Amino acid sequence: MKRIHNPIALVAIILSILMVIQSVPAWAITISEEEVLSEKFMREAHKRFTFIDDPVIIRYITTIGNRIVKVLPRHPYKYRFYVIKEDRYNAFAGPGGVVFINSGLLAAMDNPGELAGILGHEIIHVYSRHLSDRVDRSKQIGIVTLAGLVAAIALGVAGVGAAANAMAIGSVAAGQSLALAYSREDEMQADQLGVKILVEAGFPPAGLASMLAKIRQKQWVDSQQVPAYLRTHPASGDRIAYINAWIDARKGSLPVSSTKDLAEFHWLRTRVFALYGNKNEVLDTFAASVKKRPDDVFANYGYGLVLARVGHYQESLRYLKKALAHRVFDADLLVDIGRVYFLDGQFEAASNTLEGAQGINPDNADGKYYLGRTRLALKKIPEAVAIFEDLLHTNPTHRDLMYFAGQAYGQQGNMGAAYYYLGRYYYERGRARQAIVQLKKAVELTHDAKRIKKIREMLKELRSELARKRSTGNQ
């Protein structure tokens, strides 16, 4: 799907999302209203940005994030962590407990403390309700100005040019200058509370300082890599100095990363780089690595992953199996091997390997997903349907699951379910016209009252969306 990076369109999107809370008296915003705002925000974000839905990566980041969240005092949010496929150095917190990090920033990290530092900083933004409080306290700020504030964050994610960011900041300046003062205070509070919760969660706080230094260096080397709105916040040098002074005052009493923690983080970063970095650059890098260190587990793992990306499946299997010799009971690595067998059309080998992965970790959703697809390819339709039904219950938005569930139900002859899941697939991806076609067929063939109600709600929303686009000429 083509991703939209037009800054004016993005501001309009954020504006329409903020209209959800426009009717709230005196701009007060409750937790439940923030959750509605968050749902709208996430749906629009999924339409326009490329999310990395890799379960291995998301599981690792969520584990680090939840370790930090666990030490927070009582809070109302269910935190969710996402990775956006974007090289620019950025991370931000959205409404309702959502935290985003760019893959480029993730790949630039050297240890788990740096990841924890960035996540801790953003978690504090959520915990302190910086976005919602700005709405609540700035009653005199109009919705257009507020749209500029939120769009400034989102524009950084979109990776658009400095002119677009200037446009967003311009709307802030045209409203009330105190809005940026809140931003400065918010950033300092996120730093101050962030280092404290990092220590309580068992992470070295130096990770936050080192990541700020990297972002600052990137800003000097390539100003386009860092959104302009970040340069209106407190100077990174001041923030780094504060964190380092805080650390110096507590020398000898702060946690450090273990060797095991470092190895697992390096495994994660290898995966991010191999699967989501620049394909040609990554291929050359790992080819050189395995030539220099033929027995290195990380080099073999990365090279095997990127070889699969370029369609060299037999070579990919060779290097992934070399990595497996060092991690025999790694279910995620077995799933990678099973996936490559599947892509190579070796369905029986894929089935055996994926079943082995399930034996080690029955809860591995990615393994189940490819096992279901393998059963579908082998025309074992009842088995494929059973696997997809189990996944839909526990992982209702997992990757392209809805599409293949629709295919499996169709081959089984259950056309009501087939049209329903194909309709949901297009709905979630913002393809309104295709979704409407499928859902109209689904409602005619469905007998479940709850599902019929849900289908009609989706159809109503999709038709309103198309009507809105027609009225604005944006089709």
Protein backbone atom coordinates (compact mmCIF):
# COMPACT_ATOMS: atom_id res chain seq x y z
CA MET A 1 0.00 0.00 0.00
CA LYS A 2 1.28 3.44 -0.87
CA ARG A 3 2.14 5.41 2.25
CA ILE A 4 1.16 9.07 2.42
CA HIS A 5 3.79 11.49 3.64
CA ASN A 6 2.12 14.71 2.50
CA PRO A 7 2.47 17.04 5.52
CA ILE A 8 -0.70 19.03 4.79
CA ALA A 9 -2.73 15.83 4.51
CA LEU A 10 -1.21 14.58 7.75
CA VAL A 11 -2.14 17.75 9.61
CA ALA A 12 -5.68 17.34 8.26
CA ILE A 13 -5.72 13.76 9.53
CA ILE A 14 -4.63 14.79 13.01
CA LEU A 15 -7.16 17.61 12.90
CA SER A 16 -9.97 15.16 12.13
CA ILE A 17 -8.85 12.89 14.96
CA LEU A 18 -8.81 15.78 17.40
CA MET A 19 -12.39 16.60 16.41
CA VAL A 20 -13.31 13.53 18.46
CA ILE A 21 -12.64 15.53 21.62
CA GLN A 22 -13.82 18.92 20.36
CA SER A 23 -17.20 18.55 22.03
CA VAL A 24 -15.69 17.95 25.47
CA PRO A 25 -16.53 20.93 27.72
CA ALA A 26 -13.63 23.34 28.33
CA TRP A 27 -11.23 20.91 26.56
CA ALA A 28 -11.20 18.56 29.55
CA ILE A 29 -10.18 15.05 28.48
CA THR A 30 -10.82 11.91 30.50
CA ILE A 31 -9.00 8.61 30.28
CA SER A 32 -11.89 7.01 28.37
CA GLU A 33 -11.95 9.92 25.91
CA GLU A 34 -8.20 9.58 25.48
CA GLU A 35 -8.68 5.89 24.68
CA VAL A 36 -11.15 6.82 21.92
CA LEU A 37 -8.63 9.33 20.61
CA SER A 38 -5.94 6.64 20.71
CA GLU A 39 -8.04 4.20 18.67
CA LYS A 40 -8.68 6.82 16.00
CA PHE A 41 -5.02 7.78 16.00
CA MET A 42 -3.85 4.17 15.59
CA ARG A 43 -6.22 3.43 12.72
CA GLU A 44 -5.00 6.49 10.81
CA ALA A 45 -1.38 5.67 11.62
CA HIS A 46 -1.76 2.12 10.26
CA LYS A 47 -3.11 3.51 7.01
CA ARG A 48 -0.22 5.86 6.44
CA PHE A 49 2.90 4.40 8.03
CA THR A 50 4.66 1.08 7.56
CA PHE A 51 4.55 -0.75 10.87
CA ILE A 52 6.99 -3.56 11.60
CA ASP A 53 4.70 -6.30 12.91
CA ASP A 54 7.57 -8.71 13.51
CA PRO A 55 6.50 -10.66 16.65
CA VAL A 56 10.11 -11.34 17.71
CA ILE A 57 10.99 -7.64 17.69
CA ILE A 58 7.71 -6.46 19.23
CA ARG A 59 7.89 -9.12 21.95
CA TYR A 60 11.41 -8.04 22.94
CA ILE A 61 10.56 -4.34 23.01
CA THR A 62 7.33 -5.00 24.90
CA THR A 63 9.25 -7.04 27.48
CA ILE A 64 11.67 -4.16 28.07
CA GLY A 65 8.81 -1.64 28.12
CA ASN A 66 6.70 -3.68 30.54
CA ARG A 67 9.66 -4.10 32.86
CA ILE A 68 9.76 -0.31 33.13
CA VAL A 69 5.98 0.07 33.39
CA LYS A 70 5.92 -2.46 36.24
CA VAL A 71 7.80 -0.09 38.57
CA LEU A 72 5.51 2.88 37.89
CA PRO A 73 3.02 3.88 40.57
CA ARG A 74 -0.58 3.03 39.81
CA HIS A 75 -1.59 4.20 36.33
CA PRO A 76 -4.67 3.86 34.09
CA TYR A 77 -2.99 2.86 30.83
CA LYS A 78 -2.40 -0.40 29.01
CA TYR A 79 0.90 0.40 27.34
CA ARG A 80 1.47 -0.77 23.77
CA PHE A 81 4.74 -0.58 21.87
CA TYR A 82 5.16 -0.25 18.09
CA VAL A 83 8.02 -0.04 15.60
CA ILE A 84 7.70 2.07 12.45
CA LYS A 85 9.84 1.22 9.43
CA GLU A 86 11.66 4.52 9.09
CA ASP A 87 15.40 5.27 9.07
CA ARG A 88 15.17 8.65 10.79
CA TYR A 89 16.05 8.85 14.47
CA ASN A 90 12.79 9.30 16.33
CA ALA A 91 10.53 7.93 19.04
CA PHE A 92 7.36 9.41 20.46
CA ALA A 93 4.39 8.75 22.73
CA GLY A 94 0.85 9.04 21.46
CA PRO A 95 -2.47 9.23 23.33
CA GLY A 96 -3.74 6.41 25.51
CA GLY A 97 -0.49 4.57 26.26
CA VAL A 98 0.93 4.01 22.76
CA VAL A 99 4.69 4.32 22.31
CA PHE A 100 6.42 4.36 18.92
CA ILE A 101 10.05 3.92 17.94
CA ASN A 102 11.58 4.16 14.46
CA SER A 103 13.54 1.19 13.16
CA GLY A 104 16.46 3.50 12.31
CA LEU A 105 16.77 4.59 15.93
CA LEU A 106 16.49 0.99 17.09
CA ALA A 107 19.27 -0.11 14.73
CA ALA A 108 21.52 2.69 16.07
CA MET A 109 21.41 1.29 19.62
CA ASP A 110 24.29 -0.70 21.09
CA ASN A 111 22.82 -2.19 24.25
CA PRO A 112 19.52 -2.82 26.04
CA GLY A 113 20.12 0.17 28.32
CA GLU A 114 19.83 2.51 25.34
CA LEU A 115 16.52 0.95 24.30
CA ALA A 116 15.28 1.12 27.88
CA GLY A 117 16.39 4.76 28.11
CA ILE A 118 14.32 5.81 25.09
CA LEU A 119 11.31 3.73 26.13
CA GLY A 120 11.50 5.01 29.70
CA HIS A 121 11.52 8.61 28.49
CA GLU A 122 8.45 8.02 26.30
CA ILE A 123 6.64 6.02 28.99
CA ILE A 124 6.98 9.01 31.31
CA HIS A 125 5.41 11.22 28.64
CA VAL A 126 2.41 8.86 28.70
CA TYR A 127 2.36 8.41 32.47
CA SER A 128 2.52 12.18 33.03
CA ARG A 129 -0.29 12.73 30.50
CA HIS A 130 1.73 15.41 28.71
CA LEU A 131 -0.40 15.37 25.59
CA SER A 132 -3.77 15.17 27.38
CA ASP A 133 -2.73 17.73 30.00
CA ARG A 134 -1.73 20.13 27.27
CA VAL A 135 -5.27 19.84 25.95
CA ASP A 136 -6.77 20.17 29.42
CA ARG A 137 -4.64 23.11 30.61
CA SER A 138 -4.54 25.05 27.36
CA LYS A 139 -8.25 25.82 27.17
CA GLN A 140 -7.53 29.01 25.27
CA ILE A 141 -5.65 27.14 22.52
CA GLY A 142 -7.88 26.42 19.55
CA ILE A 143 -8.15 23.10 17.79
CA VAL A 144 -6.05 24.28 14.84
CA THR A 145 -3.17 25.14 17.16
CA LEU A 146 -3.52 21.85 18.99
CA ALA A 147 -3.54 20.03 15.66
CA GLY A 148 -0.22 21.70 14.95
CA LEU A 149 1.21 20.48 18.24
CA VAL A 150 0.23 16.86 17.65
CA ALA A 151 1.09 17.01 13.95
CA ALA A 152 4.59 18.17 14.86
CA ILE A 153 5.10 14.85 16.62
CA ALA A 154 3.56 12.82 13.81
CA LEU A 155 5.50 14.71 11.14
CA GLY A 156 8.68 13.61 12.80
CA VAL A 157 7.53 10.03 12.42
CA ALA A 158 6.60 10.59 8.81
CA GLY A 159 10.10 11.81 8.11
CA VAL A 160 9.06 14.80 6.03
CA GLY A 161 11.24 17.81 5.36
CA ALA A 162 12.01 20.76 7.58
CA ALA A 163 9.53 22.98 5.74
CA ALA A 164 6.64 20.78 6.77
CA ASN A 165 7.79 20.75 10.38
CA ALA A 166 8.10 24.54 10.26
CA MET A 167 4.50 24.66 9.10
CA ALA A 168 3.38 22.67 12.14
CA ILE A 169 5.47 24.74 14.55
CA GLY A 170 4.16 27.87 12.84
CA SER A 171 0.63 26.94 13.82
CA VAL A 172 1.81 26.62 17.41
CA ALA A 173 3.53 30.00 17.35
CA ALA A 174 0.43 31.58 15.84
CA GLY A 175 -1.65 30.24 18.74
CA GLN A 176 0.01 30.54 22.14
CA SER A 177 3.75 30.60 22.79
CA LEU A 178 3.21 28.90 26.14
CA ALA A 179 2.48 25.65 24.30
CA LEU A 180 6.17 25.22 23.59
CA ALA A 181 6.96 26.05 27.21
CA TYR A 182 4.90 23.04 28.17
CA SER A 183 6.92 20.99 25.71
CA ARG A 184 10.17 22.09 27.31
CA GLU A 185 8.87 21.25 30.77
CA ASP A 186 7.53 17.93 29.51
CA GLU A 187 10.90 16.94 28.07
CA MET A 188 12.76 17.81 31.28
CA GLN A 189 10.23 15.94 33.40
CA ALA A 190 10.51 12.89 31.13
CA ASP A 191 14.30 12.96 31.57
CA GLN A 192 14.19 13.48 35.34
CA LEU A 193 11.59 10.82 36.08
CA GLY A 194 12.90 8.58 33.32
CA VAL A 195 16.34 8.02 34.87
CA LYS A 196 14.72 7.18 38.21
CA ILE A 197 12.36 4.54 36.84
CA LEU A 198 15.17 3.07 34.72
CA VAL A 199 17.20 2.40 37.86
CA GLU A 200 14.17 0.98 39.68
CA ALA A 201 13.58 -1.35 36.72
CA GLY A 202 17.22 -2.49 36.80
CA PHE A 203 18.54 -0.64 33.73
CA PRO A 204 21.64 1.57 33.58
CA PRO A 205 20.43 5.18 33.13
CA ALA A 206 23.49 6.00 31.03
CA GLY A 207 21.58 4.51 28.08
CA LEU A 208 19.32 7.55 27.87
CA ALA A 209 22.30 9.94 27.86
CA SER A 210 24.14 7.95 25.18
CA MET A 211 21.05 7.86 22.94
CA LEU A 212 20.54 11.61 23.30
CA ALA A 213 24.19 12.04 22.30
CA LYS A 214 23.64 9.91 19.19
CA ILE A 215 20.55 11.90 18.25
CA ARG A 216 22.47 15.12 18.80
CA GLN A 217 25.34 13.90 16.63
CA LYS A 218 22.91 12.86 13.90
CA GLN A 219 21.38 16.32 14.07
CA TRP A 220 24.77 17.90 13.35
CA VAL A 221 25.70 15.43 10.62
CA ASP A 222 22.34 15.42 8.85
CA SER A 223 19.80 17.98 9.99
CA GLN A 224 17.11 16.35 7.83
CA GLN A 225 17.34 13.23 9.97
CA VAL A 226 16.00 15.00 13.05
CA PRO A 227 12.60 16.72 12.88
CA ALA A 228 12.74 20.47 13.26
CA TYR A 229 10.37 20.38 16.24
CA LEU A 230 12.96 18.48 18.27
CA ARG A 231 15.35 21.39 17.85
CA THR A 232 12.88 23.67 19.65
CA HIS A 233 13.11 21.53 22.77
CA PRO A 234 15.85 21.89 25.41
CA ALA A 235 19.31 21.51 23.87
CA SER A 236 20.39 17.88 23.92
CA GLY A 237 23.67 19.00 25.46
CA ASP A 238 21.86 20.39 28.50
CA ARG A 239 19.79 17.27 28.86
CA ILE A 240 22.83 15.01 28.54
CA ALA A 241 24.68 17.10 31.13
CA TYR A 242 21.81 16.78 33.59
CA ILE A 243 21.62 12.99 33.20
CA ASN A 244 25.39 12.54 33.48
CA ALA A 245 25.48 14.70 36.62
CA TRP A 246 22.69 12.60 38.10
CA ILE A 247 24.65 9.44 37.31
CA ASP A 248 27.94 10.81 38.69
CA ALA A 249 26.25 11.57 42.00
CA ARG A 250 25.28 7.89 42.32
CA LYS A 251 28.39 6.09 41.07
CA GLY A 252 28.76 2.53 42.28
CA SER A 253 25.07 2.07 43.07
CA LEU A 254 23.60 1.85 39.57
CA PRO A 255 22.68 -1.33 37.66
CA VAL A 256 24.68 -2.64 34.68
CA SER A 257 23.68 -4.83 31.73
CA SER A 258 24.57 -8.51 31.99
CA THR A 259 26.44 -10.46 29.30
CA LYS A 260 23.24 -12.39 28.57
CA ASP A 261 21.24 -9.16 28.21
CA LEU A 262 23.83 -7.79 25.79
CA ALA A 263 23.81 -10.99 23.69
CA GLU A 264 20.01 -11.04 23.40
CA PHE A 265 19.95 -7.37 22.44
CA HIS A 266 22.62 -7.96 19.78
CA TRP A 267 20.46 -10.80 18.41
CA LEU A 268 17.50 -8.42 18.20
CA ARG A 269 19.50 -5.65 16.52
CA THR A 270 20.89 -8.15 14.00
CA ARG A 271 17.31 -9.08 13.11
CA VAL A 272 16.21 -5.45 12.76
CA PHE A 273 19.16 -4.61 10.53
CA ALA A 274 18.92 -7.77 8.40
CA LEU A 275 15.17 -7.73 7.82
CA TYR A 276 14.39 -4.02 7.73
CA GLY A 277 17.56 -2.19 6.76
CA ASN A 278 18.56 -1.17 3.24
CA LYS A 279 18.61 -4.49 1.40
CA ASN A 280 21.76 -3.99 -0.67
CA GLU A 281 23.70 -2.39 2.16
CA VAL A 282 22.70 -5.15 4.57
CA LEU A 283 23.60 -7.90 2.09
CA ASP A 284 27.10 -6.49 1.59
CA THR A 285 27.60 -5.98 5.33
CA PHE A 286 26.70 -9.53 6.34
CA ALA A 287 28.54 -11.07 3.37
CA ALA A 288 31.69 -9.35 4.63
CA SER A 289 30.93 -10.44 8.21
CA VAL A 290 30.62 -14.15 7.42
CA LYS A 291 33.75 -14.00 5.28
CA LYS A 292 35.69 -12.48 8.16
CA ARG A 293 34.03 -14.53 10.94
CA PRO A 294 32.57 -17.71 9.34
CA ASP A 295 31.54 -19.24 12.67
CA ASP A 296 30.02 -16.12 14.22
CA VAL A 297 26.40 -16.84 15.16
CA PHE A 298 25.22 -13.27 14.61
CA ALA A 299 26.89 -13.00 11.20
CA ASN A 300 25.34 -16.29 10.04
CA TYR A 301 21.92 -15.35 11.41
CA GLY A 302 21.90 -11.94 9.76
CA TYR A 303 23.23 -13.23 6.45
CA GLY A 304 20.65 -16.03 6.40
CA LEU A 305 17.82 -13.56 7.00
CA VAL A 306 18.89 -11.10 4.30
CA LEU A 307 19.54 -13.89 1.77
CA ALA A 308 15.89 -14.90 2.19
CA ARG A 309 14.89 -11.28 1.52
CA VAL A 310 16.57 -11.40 -1.89
CA GLY A 311 15.13 -14.83 -2.76
CA HIS A 312 18.28 -16.95 -2.28
CA TYR A 313 16.45 -19.51 -0.18
CA GLN A 314 18.88 -22.43 -0.37
CA GLU A 315 21.81 -20.26 0.71
CA SER A 316 19.63 -18.70 3.38
CA LEU A 317 18.86 -22.10 4.87
CA ARG A 318 22.56 -22.98 4.98
CA TYR A 319 23.47 -19.95 7.06
CA LEU A 320 20.40 -20.07 9.30
CA LYS A 321 21.18 -23.72 10.11
CA LYS A 322 24.74 -22.72 11.05
CA ALA A 323 23.24 -20.20 13.47
CA LEU A 324 20.86 -22.88 14.78
CA ALA A 325 23.85 -25.03 15.79
CA HIS A 326 24.54 -22.38 18.46
CA ARG A 327 20.87 -22.02 19.50
CA VAL A 328 19.37 -25.49 19.10
CA PHE A 329 16.20 -24.84 21.08
CA ASP A 330 15.47 -21.35 19.73
CA ALA A 331 11.84 -21.56 18.57
CA ASP A 332 12.03 -18.18 16.79
CA LEU A 333 15.01 -19.32 14.72
CA LEU A 334 13.24 -22.56 13.83
CA VAL A 335 10.26 -20.49 12.67
CA ASP A 336 12.63 -18.45 10.47
CA ILE A 337 13.91 -21.67 8.91
CA GLY A 338 10.37 -22.99 8.48
CA ARG A 339 9.35 -19.71 6.85
CA VAL A 340 12.21 -19.97 4.35
CA TYR A 341 11.26 -23.56 3.53
CA PHE A 342 7.70 -22.30 2.94
CA LEU A 343 8.86 -19.46 0.68
CA ASP A 344 10.97 -21.95 -1.27
CA GLY A 345 7.93 -24.17 -1.84
CA GLN A 346 9.27 -26.99 0.37
CA PHE A 347 5.99 -27.37 2.22
CA GLU A 348 6.62 -30.74 3.89
CA ALA A 349 9.98 -29.56 5.24
CA ALA A 350 8.33 -26.33 6.36
CA SER A 351 5.59 -28.29 8.12
CA ASN A 352 8.07 -30.51 10.00
CA THR A 353 10.23 -27.57 11.06
CA LEU A 354 7.31 -25.43 12.19
CA GLU A 355 5.83 -28.32 14.15
CA GLY A 356 9.19 -28.62 15.91
CA ALA A 357 9.07 -24.92 16.77
CA GLN A 358 5.55 -25.37 18.15
CA GLY A 359 6.80 -28.24 20.29
CA ILE A 360 9.32 -25.89 21.90
CA ASN A 361 6.96 -22.93 22.19
CA PRO A 362 3.27 -23.63 21.51
CA ASP A 363 2.48 -19.92 21.97
CA ASN A 364 4.70 -18.76 19.10
CA ALA A 365 2.13 -16.88 17.00
CA ASP A 366 4.38 -16.46 13.98
CA GLY A 367 5.09 -20.19 13.94
CA LYS A 368 1.36 -20.94 14.04
CA TYR A 369 0.73 -18.42 11.27
CA TYR A 370 3.20 -20.06 8.87
CA LEU A 371 2.07 -23.52 9.93
CA GLY A 372 -1.47 -22.50 8.97
CA ARG A 373 -0.27 -21.18 5.64
CA THR A 374 1.67 -24.41 5.08
CA ARG A 375 -1.45 -26.47 5.76
CA LEU A 376 -3.34 -24.25 3.31
CA ALA A 377 -0.66 -24.78 0.64
CA LEU A 378 -0.83 -28.55 1.23
CA LYS A 379 -4.64 -28.38 0.80
CA LYS A 380 -5.19 -29.57 4.37
CA ILE A 381 -8.03 -27.09 4.71
CA PRO A 382 -9.68 -28.25 7.98
CA GLU A 383 -6.29 -28.14 9.71
CA ALA A 384 -5.54 -24.69 8.28
CA VAL A 385 -8.94 -23.38 9.41
CA ALA A 386 -8.42 -24.77 12.92
CA ILE A 387 -5.02 -23.07 13.21
CA PHE A 388 -6.32 -19.75 11.86
CA GLU A 389 -9.35 -19.86 14.18
CA ASP A 390 -7.06 -20.35 17.17
CA LEU A 391 -4.86 -17.47 16.04
CA LEU A 392 -7.82 -15.18 15.39
CA HIS A 393 -8.93 -15.75 18.97
CA THR A 394 -5.58 -14.90 20.55
CA ASN A 395 -4.00 -12.62 17.91
CA PRO A 396 -6.89 -10.93 16.06
CA THR A 397 -4.69 -8.43 14.18
CA HIS A 398 -1.63 -10.61 13.52
CA ARG A 399 -0.01 -9.64 10.20
CA ASP A 400 -2.02 -10.82 7.16
CA LEU A 401 -3.82 -13.48 9.16
CA MET A 402 -7.28 -12.23 8.21
CA TYR A 403 -6.51 -12.49 4.50
CA PHE A 404 -5.39 -16.12 4.68
CA ALA A 405 -8.18 -17.01 7.09
CA GLY A 406 -10.56 -15.66 4.45
CA GLN A 407 -8.86 -17.82 1.82
CA ALA A 408 -9.09 -20.92 4.04
CA TYR A 409 -12.77 -20.38 4.85
CA GLY A 410 -13.48 -19.86 1.16
CA GLN A 411 -11.85 -23.16 0.22
CA GLN A 412 -13.82 -24.81 3.03
CA GLY A 413 -17.05 -23.42 1.55
CA ASN A 414 -17.86 -21.11 4.48
CA MET A 415 -18.35 -18.02 2.31
CA GLY A 416 -19.88 -15.84 5.03
CA ALA A 417 -16.70 -16.13 7.12
CA ALA A 418 -14.53 -15.84 3.99
CA TYR A 419 -16.07 -12.51 2.95
CA TYR A 420 -16.05 -11.26 6.55
CA TYR A 421 -12.32 -11.79 7.10
CA LEU A 422 -11.37 -10.52 3.66
CA GLY A 423 -13.49 -7.46 4.40
CA ARG A 424 -11.73 -6.96 7.73
CA TYR A 425 -8.37 -7.34 6.01
CA TYR A 426 -9.15 -4.48 3.62
CA TYR A 427 -10.81 -2.46 6.39
CA GLU A 428 -7.73 -2.58 8.62
CA ARG A 429 -5.54 -1.52 5.72
CA GLY A 430 -7.65 1.48 4.83
CA ARG A 431 -8.84 0.09 1.48
CA ALA A 432 -12.43 1.24 1.88
CA ARG A 433 -13.87 0.27 -1.53
CA GLN A 434 -12.55 -3.30 -1.43
CA ALA A 435 -13.69 -3.66 2.18
CA ILE A 436 -17.23 -2.53 1.35
CA VAL A 437 -17.52 -5.07 -1.51
CA GLN A 438 -16.48 -7.97 0.77
CA LEU A 439 -18.49 -6.86 3.81
CA LYS A 440 -21.71 -6.38 1.81
CA LYS A 441 -21.43 -10.02 0.68
CA ALA A 442 -20.58 -11.09 4.25
CA VAL A 443 -23.68 -9.48 5.79
CA GLU A 444 -25.90 -11.35 3.32
CA LEU A 445 -24.41 -14.73 4.25
CA THR A 446 -23.86 -14.27 8.00
CA HIS A 447 -26.33 -15.48 10.63
CA ASP A 448 -24.49 -14.44 13.80
CA ALA A 449 -26.21 -11.33 15.21
CA LYS A 450 -23.08 -9.91 16.85
CA ARG A 451 -21.07 -10.29 13.68
CA ILE A 452 -23.84 -8.72 11.60
CA LYS A 453 -23.86 -5.73 13.96
CA LYS A 454 -20.08 -5.38 13.69
CA ILE A 455 -20.21 -5.61 9.87
CA ARG A 456 -22.85 -2.91 9.68
CA GLU A 457 -20.83 -0.64 11.95
CA MET A 458 -17.79 -1.08 9.70
CA LEU A 459 -19.85 -0.44 6.58
CA LYS A 460 -21.28 2.74 8.10
CA GLU A 461 -17.81 3.99 8.97
CA LEU A 462 -16.39 3.10 5.56
CA ARG A 463 -19.21 4.83 3.67
CA SER A 464 -18.78 7.95 5.82
CA GLU A 465 -15.07 7.88 5.08
CA LEU A 466 -15.67 7.70 1.32
CA ALA A 467 -18.26 10.48 1.50
CA ARG A 468 -15.79 12.66 3.42
CA LYS A 469 -13.11 12.05 0.82
CA ARG A 470 -15.49 12.89 -2.01
CA SER A 471 -16.52 16.15 -0.30
CA THR A 472 -12.87 17.22 0.10
CA GLY A 473 -11.81 15.98 -3.34
CA ASN A 474 -9.26 13.63 -1.71
CA GLN A 475 -9.99 10.27 -3.35
